[in-house]
Amino acid sequence: MTEIKAITEKIKKFRDERDWKQFHNHKDMALSMMLEAAEVLEHFQWKSPSEVEVHGQACKDEISEELADVAMYLFELADNLGIDLSEAILSKLKKNAQKYPVEKAKGKHTKYDKL
């Protein structure tokens, strides 16, 4: 069992012990994931690059909790949709490797269709 599947099982156990699956439809899970992602972003809003570095270290625990919230919703939504997240990630990395070959993309932030 992959680490992602093991964590997903713990998330589902937590959810099911509270009878929350009834509230965890695809739309609300996706919405909740984005709301939590916005809470991550809020930590960096209006900060200069140097302030971002300092804040990132000073508030590492708070940011960690927000990232965990995003990941938990992501893992559960993928599971609810029958998506093997490990396979999806590996597949996407393979596609990205084709779109962004090292010899063209290394050190650049250019979109694949402009390389």
N, C-alpha and C. Protein backbone atom coordinates (compact mmCIF):
# COMPACT_ATOMS: atom_id res chain seq x y z
N MET A 1 0.85 -1.18 0.00
CA MET A 1 0.00 0.00 0.00
C MET A 1 0.89 1.24 0.00
N THR A 2 0.58 2.18 -0.90
CA THR A 2 1.38 3.40 -0.95
C THR A 2 1.10 4.27 0.28
N GLU A 3 2.01 5.16 0.53
CA GLU A 3 1.85 6.11 1.64
C GLU A 3 0.57 6.93 1.45
N ILE A 4 0.30 7.34 0.22
CA ILE A 4 -0.91 8.13 -0.05
C ILE A 4 -2.16 7.32 0.30
N LYS A 5 -2.20 6.06 -0.09
CA LYS A 5 -3.36 5.22 0.22
C LYS A 5 -3.51 5.03 1.73
N ALA A 6 -2.40 4.83 2.41
CA ALA A 6 -2.45 4.64 3.87
C ALA A 6 -2.98 5.89 4.57
N ILE A 7 -2.51 7.04 4.13
CA ILE A 7 -3.00 8.30 4.73
C ILE A 7 -4.47 8.51 4.39
N THR A 8 -4.84 8.20 3.15
CA THR A 8 -6.24 8.34 2.74
C THR A 8 -7.14 7.47 3.60
N GLU A 9 -6.71 6.27 3.92
CA GLU A 9 -7.51 5.39 4.79
C GLU A 9 -7.70 6.02 6.17
N LYS A 10 -6.68 6.67 6.70
CA LYS A 10 -6.80 7.33 8.01
C LYS A 10 -7.76 8.52 7.93
N ILE A 11 -7.70 9.26 6.83
CA ILE A 11 -8.62 10.38 6.63
C ILE A 11 -10.06 9.87 6.57
N LYS A 12 -10.29 8.80 5.82
CA LYS A 12 -11.63 8.23 5.70
C LYS A 12 -12.13 7.69 7.04
N LYS A 13 -11.26 7.09 7.81
CA LYS A 13 -11.64 6.59 9.13
C LYS A 13 -12.09 7.75 10.02
N PHE A 14 -11.32 8.83 10.02
CA PHE A 14 -11.67 10.03 10.79
C PHE A 14 -13.04 10.55 10.35
N ARG A 15 -13.23 10.66 9.03
CA ARG A 15 -14.50 11.14 8.47
C ARG A 15 -15.65 10.23 8.86
N ASP A 16 -15.47 8.93 8.66
CA ASP A 16 -16.56 7.98 8.88
C ASP A 16 -16.95 7.85 10.35
N GLU A 17 -15.98 7.99 11.25
CA GLU A 17 -16.30 7.95 12.68
C GLU A 17 -17.24 9.09 13.07
N ARG A 18 -17.23 10.16 12.29
CA ARG A 18 -18.06 11.33 12.58
C ARG A 18 -19.30 11.41 11.68
N ASP A 19 -19.47 10.40 10.81
CA ASP A 19 -20.59 10.36 9.87
C ASP A 19 -20.63 11.62 9.01
N TRP A 20 -19.47 12.01 8.47
CA TRP A 20 -19.37 13.21 7.66
C TRP A 20 -19.39 12.93 6.16
N LYS A 21 -19.35 11.66 5.75
CA LYS A 21 -19.32 11.38 4.31
C LYS A 21 -20.52 11.99 3.60
N GLN A 22 -21.63 12.07 4.30
CA GLN A 22 -22.84 12.64 3.72
C GLN A 22 -22.64 14.09 3.27
N PHE A 23 -21.67 14.78 3.83
CA PHE A 23 -21.40 16.17 3.48
C PHE A 23 -20.26 16.31 2.46
N HIS A 24 -19.56 15.22 2.19
CA HIS A 24 -18.33 15.28 1.39
C HIS A 24 -18.57 14.94 -0.08
N ASN A 25 -19.48 15.69 -0.71
CA ASN A 25 -19.72 15.52 -2.14
C ASN A 25 -18.57 16.18 -2.90
N HIS A 26 -18.45 15.85 -4.19
CA HIS A 26 -17.31 16.31 -4.99
C HIS A 26 -17.19 17.84 -4.99
N LYS A 27 -18.31 18.53 -5.19
CA LYS A 27 -18.28 20.00 -5.25
C LYS A 27 -17.78 20.59 -3.94
N ASP A 28 -18.32 20.14 -2.83
CA ASP A 28 -17.93 20.72 -1.55
C ASP A 28 -16.50 20.35 -1.16
N MET A 29 -16.05 19.18 -1.58
CA MET A 29 -14.66 18.81 -1.31
C MET A 29 -13.71 19.70 -2.12
N ALA A 30 -14.03 19.92 -3.40
CA ALA A 30 -13.20 20.78 -4.25
C ALA A 30 -13.21 22.22 -3.72
N LEU A 31 -14.38 22.67 -3.33
CA LEU A 31 -14.51 24.02 -2.77
C LEU A 31 -13.70 24.17 -1.49
N SER A 32 -13.81 23.20 -0.61
CA SER A 32 -13.07 23.23 0.65
C SER A 32 -11.56 23.21 0.42
N MET A 33 -11.12 22.43 -0.57
CA MET A 33 -9.70 22.37 -0.90
C MET A 33 -9.21 23.76 -1.33
N MET A 34 -10.00 24.45 -2.14
CA MET A 34 -9.59 25.77 -2.62
C MET A 34 -9.63 26.81 -1.50
N LEU A 35 -10.59 26.70 -0.61
CA LEU A 35 -10.64 27.62 0.53
C LEU A 35 -9.41 27.46 1.42
N GLU A 36 -9.02 26.23 1.64
CA GLU A 36 -7.81 25.98 2.45
C GLU A 36 -6.56 26.46 1.72
N ALA A 37 -6.52 26.28 0.39
CA ALA A 37 -5.38 26.76 -0.39
C ALA A 37 -5.29 28.29 -0.29
N ALA A 38 -6.43 28.96 -0.25
CA ALA A 38 -6.43 30.41 -0.09
C ALA A 38 -5.86 30.80 1.28
N GLU A 39 -6.10 29.98 2.28
CA GLU A 39 -5.52 30.26 3.60
C GLU A 39 -4.01 30.11 3.58
N VAL A 40 -3.49 29.21 2.76
CA VAL A 40 -2.05 29.11 2.57
C VAL A 40 -1.54 30.39 1.92
N LEU A 41 -2.19 30.78 0.85
CA LEU A 41 -1.79 31.97 0.10
C LEU A 41 -1.82 33.23 0.96
N GLU A 42 -2.77 33.31 1.86
CA GLU A 42 -2.90 34.47 2.73
C GLU A 42 -1.63 34.73 3.54
N HIS A 43 -0.90 33.68 3.84
CA HIS A 43 0.35 33.85 4.60
C HIS A 43 1.39 34.66 3.82
N PHE A 44 1.28 34.68 2.50
CA PHE A 44 2.30 35.32 1.68
C PHE A 44 1.83 36.58 0.98
N GLN A 45 0.55 36.87 1.13
CA GLN A 45 -0.04 38.04 0.48
C GLN A 45 0.65 39.32 0.93
N TRP A 46 0.96 40.17 -0.02
CA TRP A 46 1.52 41.51 0.18
C TRP A 46 2.95 41.51 0.73
N LYS A 47 3.59 40.38 0.73
CA LYS A 47 4.96 40.31 1.26
C LYS A 47 5.97 40.29 0.12
N SER A 48 7.10 40.94 0.36
CA SER A 48 8.20 40.91 -0.60
C SER A 48 8.86 39.53 -0.56
N PRO A 49 9.68 39.19 -1.56
CA PRO A 49 10.35 37.88 -1.51
C PRO A 49 11.14 37.65 -0.22
N SER A 50 11.80 38.67 0.29
CA SER A 50 12.55 38.47 1.54
C SER A 50 11.62 38.29 2.73
N GLU A 51 10.50 39.02 2.74
CA GLU A 51 9.52 38.85 3.82
C GLU A 51 8.88 37.46 3.77
N VAL A 52 8.66 36.96 2.57
CA VAL A 52 8.09 35.62 2.39
C VAL A 52 8.99 34.57 3.03
N GLU A 53 10.29 34.68 2.81
CA GLU A 53 11.25 33.73 3.39
C GLU A 53 11.19 33.76 4.91
N VAL A 54 11.21 34.95 5.48
CA VAL A 54 11.18 35.09 6.94
C VAL A 54 9.86 34.57 7.51
N HIS A 55 8.76 34.99 6.89
CA HIS A 55 7.44 34.56 7.37
C HIS A 55 7.27 33.05 7.24
N GLY A 56 7.76 32.50 6.14
CA GLY A 56 7.66 31.06 5.92
C GLY A 56 8.30 30.26 7.04
N GLN A 57 9.41 30.74 7.53
CA GLN A 57 10.08 30.05 8.64
C GLN A 57 9.40 30.34 9.97
N ALA A 58 9.01 31.60 10.18
CA ALA A 58 8.40 32.00 11.45
C ALA A 58 7.04 31.35 11.66
N CYS A 59 6.31 31.11 10.59
CA CYS A 59 4.94 30.56 10.69
C CYS A 59 4.85 29.16 10.09
N LYS A 60 5.95 28.45 10.14
CA LYS A 60 6.02 27.13 9.51
C LYS A 60 4.95 26.18 10.04
N ASP A 61 4.69 26.19 11.34
CA ASP A 61 3.68 25.29 11.91
C ASP A 61 2.28 25.63 11.40
N GLU A 62 1.95 26.91 11.36
CA GLU A 62 0.63 27.32 10.88
C GLU A 62 0.46 26.97 9.40
N ILE A 63 1.49 27.24 8.61
CA ILE A 63 1.43 26.93 7.18
C ILE A 63 1.34 25.42 6.98
N SER A 64 2.05 24.67 7.79
CA SER A 64 2.01 23.21 7.72
C SER A 64 0.59 22.71 7.93
N GLU A 65 -0.12 23.28 8.89
CA GLU A 65 -1.50 22.86 9.15
C GLU A 65 -2.41 23.18 7.97
N GLU A 66 -2.22 24.34 7.37
CA GLU A 66 -3.05 24.71 6.21
C GLU A 66 -2.76 23.79 5.03
N LEU A 67 -1.48 23.48 4.80
CA LEU A 67 -1.13 22.55 3.73
C LEU A 67 -1.71 21.17 3.98
N ALA A 68 -1.71 20.75 5.25
CA ALA A 68 -2.30 19.46 5.59
C ALA A 68 -3.80 19.46 5.29
N ASP A 69 -4.49 20.56 5.58
CA ASP A 69 -5.91 20.66 5.25
C ASP A 69 -6.13 20.50 3.74
N VAL A 70 -5.32 21.20 2.94
CA VAL A 70 -5.43 21.08 1.48
C VAL A 70 -5.22 19.63 1.06
N ALA A 71 -4.17 19.02 1.58
CA ALA A 71 -3.83 17.64 1.19
C ALA A 71 -4.93 16.66 1.60
N MET A 72 -5.49 16.84 2.79
CA MET A 72 -6.55 15.91 3.23
C MET A 72 -7.76 15.99 2.32
N TYR A 73 -8.18 17.19 1.96
CA TYR A 73 -9.30 17.32 1.02
C TYR A 73 -8.94 16.73 -0.34
N LEU A 74 -7.72 16.97 -0.80
CA LEU A 74 -7.25 16.43 -2.08
C LEU A 74 -7.27 14.91 -2.08
N PHE A 75 -6.70 14.31 -1.05
CA PHE A 75 -6.64 12.85 -0.97
C PHE A 75 -8.03 12.24 -0.93
N GLU A 76 -8.92 12.85 -0.13
CA GLU A 76 -10.26 12.29 -0.02
C GLU A 76 -11.06 12.49 -1.31
N LEU A 77 -10.94 13.65 -1.94
CA LEU A 77 -11.65 13.88 -3.20
C LEU A 77 -11.20 12.89 -4.26
N ALA A 78 -9.89 12.69 -4.36
CA ALA A 78 -9.38 11.71 -5.33
C ALA A 78 -9.96 10.34 -5.05
N ASP A 79 -9.97 9.94 -3.78
CA ASP A 79 -10.53 8.64 -3.41
C ASP A 79 -12.02 8.57 -3.74
N ASN A 80 -12.76 9.62 -3.41
CA ASN A 80 -14.20 9.64 -3.69
C ASN A 80 -14.48 9.50 -5.18
N LEU A 81 -13.58 10.03 -6.02
CA LEU A 81 -13.74 9.95 -7.47
C LEU A 81 -13.16 8.68 -8.07
N GLY A 82 -12.56 7.84 -7.22
CA GLY A 82 -11.96 6.60 -7.70
C GLY A 82 -10.65 6.82 -8.43
N ILE A 83 -9.95 7.88 -8.07
CA ILE A 83 -8.67 8.21 -8.71
C ILE A 83 -7.54 7.75 -7.78
N ASP A 84 -6.64 6.96 -8.33
CA ASP A 84 -5.44 6.57 -7.60
C ASP A 84 -4.46 7.73 -7.74
N LEU A 85 -4.31 8.49 -6.68
CA LEU A 85 -3.51 9.71 -6.73
C LEU A 85 -2.05 9.43 -7.06
N SER A 86 -1.50 8.33 -6.55
CA SER A 86 -0.12 7.97 -6.88
C SER A 86 0.04 7.77 -8.38
N GLU A 87 -0.89 7.02 -8.98
CA GLU A 87 -0.84 6.78 -10.42
C GLU A 87 -1.05 8.08 -11.20
N ALA A 88 -1.97 8.90 -10.74
CA ALA A 88 -2.25 10.17 -11.42
C ALA A 88 -1.02 11.07 -11.41
N ILE A 89 -0.33 11.12 -10.28
CA ILE A 89 0.88 11.95 -10.18
C ILE A 89 1.97 11.44 -11.11
N LEU A 90 2.20 10.13 -11.09
CA LEU A 90 3.23 9.55 -11.96
C LEU A 90 2.89 9.77 -13.43
N SER A 91 1.63 9.62 -13.79
CA SER A 91 1.20 9.84 -15.17
C SER A 91 1.41 11.30 -15.57
N LYS A 92 1.07 12.21 -14.69
CA LYS A 92 1.22 13.64 -14.98
C LYS A 92 2.70 14.02 -15.09
N LEU A 93 3.54 13.45 -14.25
CA LEU A 93 4.98 13.71 -14.35
C LEU A 93 5.51 13.25 -15.71
N LYS A 94 5.03 12.11 -16.17
CA LYS A 94 5.46 11.59 -17.48
C LYS A 94 5.03 12.55 -18.60
N LYS A 95 3.79 13.01 -18.55
CA LYS A 95 3.31 13.96 -19.55
C LYS A 95 4.11 15.26 -19.49
N ASN A 96 4.36 15.75 -18.28
CA ASN A 96 5.11 16.99 -18.13
C ASN A 96 6.54 16.84 -18.64
N ALA A 97 7.14 15.67 -18.46
CA ALA A 97 8.49 15.43 -18.96
C ALA A 97 8.52 15.53 -20.48
N GLN A 98 7.44 15.11 -21.14
CA GLN A 98 7.36 15.22 -22.59
C GLN A 98 7.13 16.67 -23.03
N LYS A 99 6.31 17.39 -22.27
CA LYS A 99 6.01 18.78 -22.60
C LYS A 99 7.18 19.71 -22.28
N TYR A 100 7.96 19.34 -21.27
CA TYR A 100 9.07 20.18 -20.81
C TYR A 100 10.37 19.38 -20.80
N PRO A 101 10.90 19.03 -21.98
CA PRO A 101 12.16 18.29 -21.99
C PRO A 101 13.28 19.12 -21.36
N VAL A 102 14.15 18.46 -20.63
CA VAL A 102 15.21 19.14 -19.90
C VAL A 102 16.00 20.07 -20.81
N GLU A 103 16.35 19.59 -22.00
CA GLU A 103 17.21 20.38 -22.88
C GLU A 103 16.54 21.67 -23.35
N LYS A 104 15.21 21.75 -23.29
CA LYS A 104 14.50 22.98 -23.69
C LYS A 104 14.05 23.80 -22.49
N ALA A 105 13.73 23.15 -21.39
CA ALA A 105 13.07 23.83 -20.28
C ALA A 105 13.98 24.19 -19.11
N LYS A 106 15.14 23.61 -19.04
CA LYS A 106 16.00 23.79 -17.88
C LYS A 106 16.29 25.28 -17.62
N GLY A 107 15.97 25.72 -16.42
CA GLY A 107 16.23 27.09 -16.01
C GLY A 107 15.27 28.12 -16.57
N LYS A 108 14.21 27.68 -17.21
CA LYS A 108 13.23 28.60 -17.83
C LYS A 108 11.86 28.41 -17.21
N HIS A 109 11.08 29.46 -17.20
CA HIS A 109 9.69 29.35 -16.72
C HIS A 109 8.70 29.46 -17.88
N THR A 110 9.20 29.31 -19.09
CA THR A 110 8.40 29.42 -20.31
C THR A 110 7.40 28.28 -20.40
N LYS A 111 6.18 28.60 -20.81
CA LYS A 111 5.16 27.57 -21.00
C LYS A 111 5.58 26.65 -22.15
N TYR A 112 5.18 25.38 -22.04
CA TYR A 112 5.62 24.35 -22.99
C TYR A 112 5.38 24.71 -24.46
N ASP A 113 4.29 25.39 -24.75
CA ASP A 113 4.00 25.69 -26.16
C ASP A 113 4.82 26.86 -26.71
N LYS A 114 5.63 27.46 -25.85
CA LYS A 114 6.49 28.57 -26.27
C LYS A 114 7.97 28.19 -26.23
N LEU A 115 8.28 26.96 -25.83
CA LEU A 115 9.69 26.54 -25.76
C LEU A 115 10.29 26.37 -27.14
